[in-house]
Amino acid sequence: MKQVNALGRRKSAVARVYIVSGKGNITINGRDLSEYFTLDSLRYIVNQPFEVTATEGQFDVKANIDGGGIKGQAEALRLGIARALCEVDKEAYRAALKSAGFLTRDAREVERKKPGQPGARRRFQFSKR
């Protein structure tokens, strides 16, 4: 199998994912998965596409992640892996990944801060007198 690449985004995190058949090794920015994502919940998020498609241990993943926090990075990586799996075999994996919601880009972004105010929606306390 040749190398397949895909892009995943979440908030301000961008994950460039490269998948090739292998033993299930996941490398992120040159570090191992358990070293990069120390929390079990984040490792679970990253491995969800493999669980849904029953392909644990069949693909090696190499990813470059930029921007965002660790949760956004994990979800961006999940989207990238799901998109790459779709390119590998559309008929076999697309229906399962789509029904699990892993092919949908979560478009929610942080609203910008407005000038003269403390936050996006927050206003300074109103004083009538």
Protein backbone atom coordinates (compact mmCIF):
# COMPACT_ATOMS: atom_id res chain seq x y z
CA MET A 1 0.00 0.00 0.00
CA LYS A 2 1.26 3.46 -0.83
CA GLN A 3 1.30 6.32 1.63
CA VAL A 4 -2.00 8.19 2.01
CA ASN A 5 -2.17 11.69 3.44
CA ALA A 6 -5.04 13.78 4.78
CA LEU A 7 -5.65 17.00 6.69
CA GLY A 8 -7.63 17.44 9.90
CA ARG A 9 -8.57 20.70 11.58
CA ARG A 10 -10.25 21.62 14.87
CA LYS A 11 -10.37 25.12 16.39
CA SER A 12 -6.91 26.49 15.58
CA ALA A 13 -5.17 23.08 15.44
CA VAL A 14 -4.07 21.61 12.10
CA ALA A 15 -3.00 17.97 11.75
CA ARG A 16 -1.27 16.67 8.62
CA VAL A 17 -1.65 12.87 8.70
CA TYR A 18 0.26 10.23 6.70
CA ILE A 19 -0.99 6.62 6.82
CA VAL A 20 0.83 3.53 5.57
CA SER A 21 0.15 -0.14 6.30
CA GLY A 22 2.10 -1.36 9.31
CA LYS A 23 1.88 -2.50 12.92
CA GLY A 24 -0.20 0.30 14.46
CA ASN A 25 2.55 2.75 15.46
CA ILE A 26 1.41 6.35 15.84
CA THR A 27 4.10 9.06 15.71
CA ILE A 28 3.22 12.71 16.33
CA ASN A 29 5.84 15.42 15.70
CA GLY A 30 8.55 12.75 16.03
CA ARG A 31 7.24 11.50 19.39
CA ASP A 32 5.23 8.41 20.32
CA LEU A 33 1.45 8.70 20.91
CA SER A 34 1.65 7.94 24.65
CA GLU A 35 4.48 10.45 25.03
CA TYR A 36 2.69 13.24 23.13
CA PHE A 37 -0.83 12.70 24.56
CA THR A 38 -0.33 11.73 28.20
CA LEU A 39 -4.05 11.57 29.05
CA ASP A 40 -5.96 8.35 28.34
CA SER A 41 -8.99 10.29 27.11
CA LEU A 42 -6.95 12.00 24.38
CA ARG A 43 -5.37 8.71 23.26
CA TYR A 44 -8.89 7.24 23.11
CA ILE A 45 -10.05 10.13 20.87
CA VAL A 46 -7.11 9.55 18.49
CA ASN A 47 -7.78 5.78 18.26
CA GLN A 48 -11.56 6.06 17.72
CA PRO A 49 -11.47 5.81 13.88
CA PHE A 50 -9.49 2.56 14.11
CA GLU A 51 -11.96 1.11 16.66
CA VAL A 52 -15.00 1.98 14.55
CA THR A 53 -13.51 0.46 11.39
CA ALA A 54 -11.93 -2.51 13.28
CA THR A 55 -8.46 -1.74 11.89
CA GLU A 56 -6.43 -1.49 15.11
CA GLY A 57 -2.81 -2.41 14.49
CA GLN A 58 -3.09 -2.43 10.69
CA PHE A 59 -1.79 1.07 9.87
CA ASP A 60 1.18 3.18 10.91
CA VAL A 61 0.37 6.88 11.38
CA LYS A 62 2.82 9.76 11.14
CA ALA A 63 1.37 13.17 11.94
CA ASN A 64 2.55 16.77 12.13
CA ILE A 65 0.37 18.93 14.38
CA ASP A 66 0.49 22.71 14.72
CA GLY A 67 -1.50 25.19 16.80
CA GLY A 68 -4.28 24.91 19.33
CA GLY A 69 -4.41 23.07 22.64
CA ILE A 70 -4.06 19.37 23.30
CA LYS A 71 -7.80 18.61 23.03
CA GLY A 72 -8.12 20.44 19.71
CA GLN A 73 -4.99 18.71 18.44
CA ALA A 74 -6.37 15.29 19.37
CA GLU A 75 -9.67 15.98 17.60
CA ALA A 76 -7.86 17.37 14.54
CA LEU A 77 -5.78 14.19 14.43
CA ARG A 78 -8.96 12.07 14.69
CA LEU A 79 -10.46 13.87 11.67
CA GLY A 80 -7.23 13.47 9.70
CA ILE A 81 -7.02 9.75 10.44
CA ALA A 82 -10.69 9.27 9.50
CA ARG A 83 -10.21 11.10 6.19
CA ALA A 84 -7.08 9.08 5.41
CA LEU A 85 -8.88 5.80 6.14
CA CYS A 86 -11.62 6.89 3.72
CA GLU A 87 -9.01 7.37 1.00
CA VAL A 88 -7.58 3.90 1.71
CA ASP A 89 -10.90 2.07 1.17
CA LYS A 90 -14.04 4.15 0.65
CA GLU A 91 -16.59 1.31 0.47
CA ALA A 92 -15.36 -0.47 3.59
CA TYR A 93 -14.78 2.44 6.01
CA ARG A 94 -16.80 5.49 4.91
CA ALA A 95 -20.24 4.38 6.16
CA ALA A 96 -18.96 3.46 9.64
CA LEU A 97 -16.90 6.65 10.01
CA LYS A 98 -19.75 8.85 8.74
CA SER A 99 -22.32 7.32 11.10
CA ALA A 100 -19.91 7.84 14.03
CA GLY A 101 -19.54 11.50 13.00
CA PHE A 102 -15.76 11.39 12.44
CA LEU A 103 -15.86 12.83 8.91
CA THR A 104 -17.55 16.08 9.94
CA ARG A 105 -15.33 19.12 10.47
CA ASP A 106 -16.37 20.84 13.72
CA ALA A 107 -16.47 24.45 12.48
CA ARG A 108 -16.81 26.12 15.88
CA GLU A 109 -14.15 28.76 16.41
CA VAL A 110 -13.46 31.24 19.20
CA GLU A 111 -15.38 34.49 18.67
CA ARG A 112 -13.17 37.54 18.42
CA LYS A 113 -12.89 40.10 21.18
CA LYS A 114 -14.70 43.36 20.42
CA PRO A 115 -12.94 46.73 20.82
CA GLY A 116 -13.56 48.66 24.04
CA GLN A 117 -14.95 45.61 25.83
CA PRO A 118 -13.38 42.90 28.01
CA GLY A 119 -14.36 39.94 25.80
CA ALA A 120 -16.41 38.76 22.84
CA ARG A 121 -19.82 39.09 24.55
CA ARG A 122 -18.83 40.39 27.97
CA ARG A 123 -19.55 44.04 28.67
CA PHE A 124 -18.31 46.35 31.36
CA GLN A 125 -20.80 46.85 34.19
CA PHE A 126 -23.47 49.42 33.35
CA SER A 127 -23.85 52.32 35.74
CA LYS A 128 -26.87 54.58 35.33
CA ARG A 129 -25.51 57.31 37.62
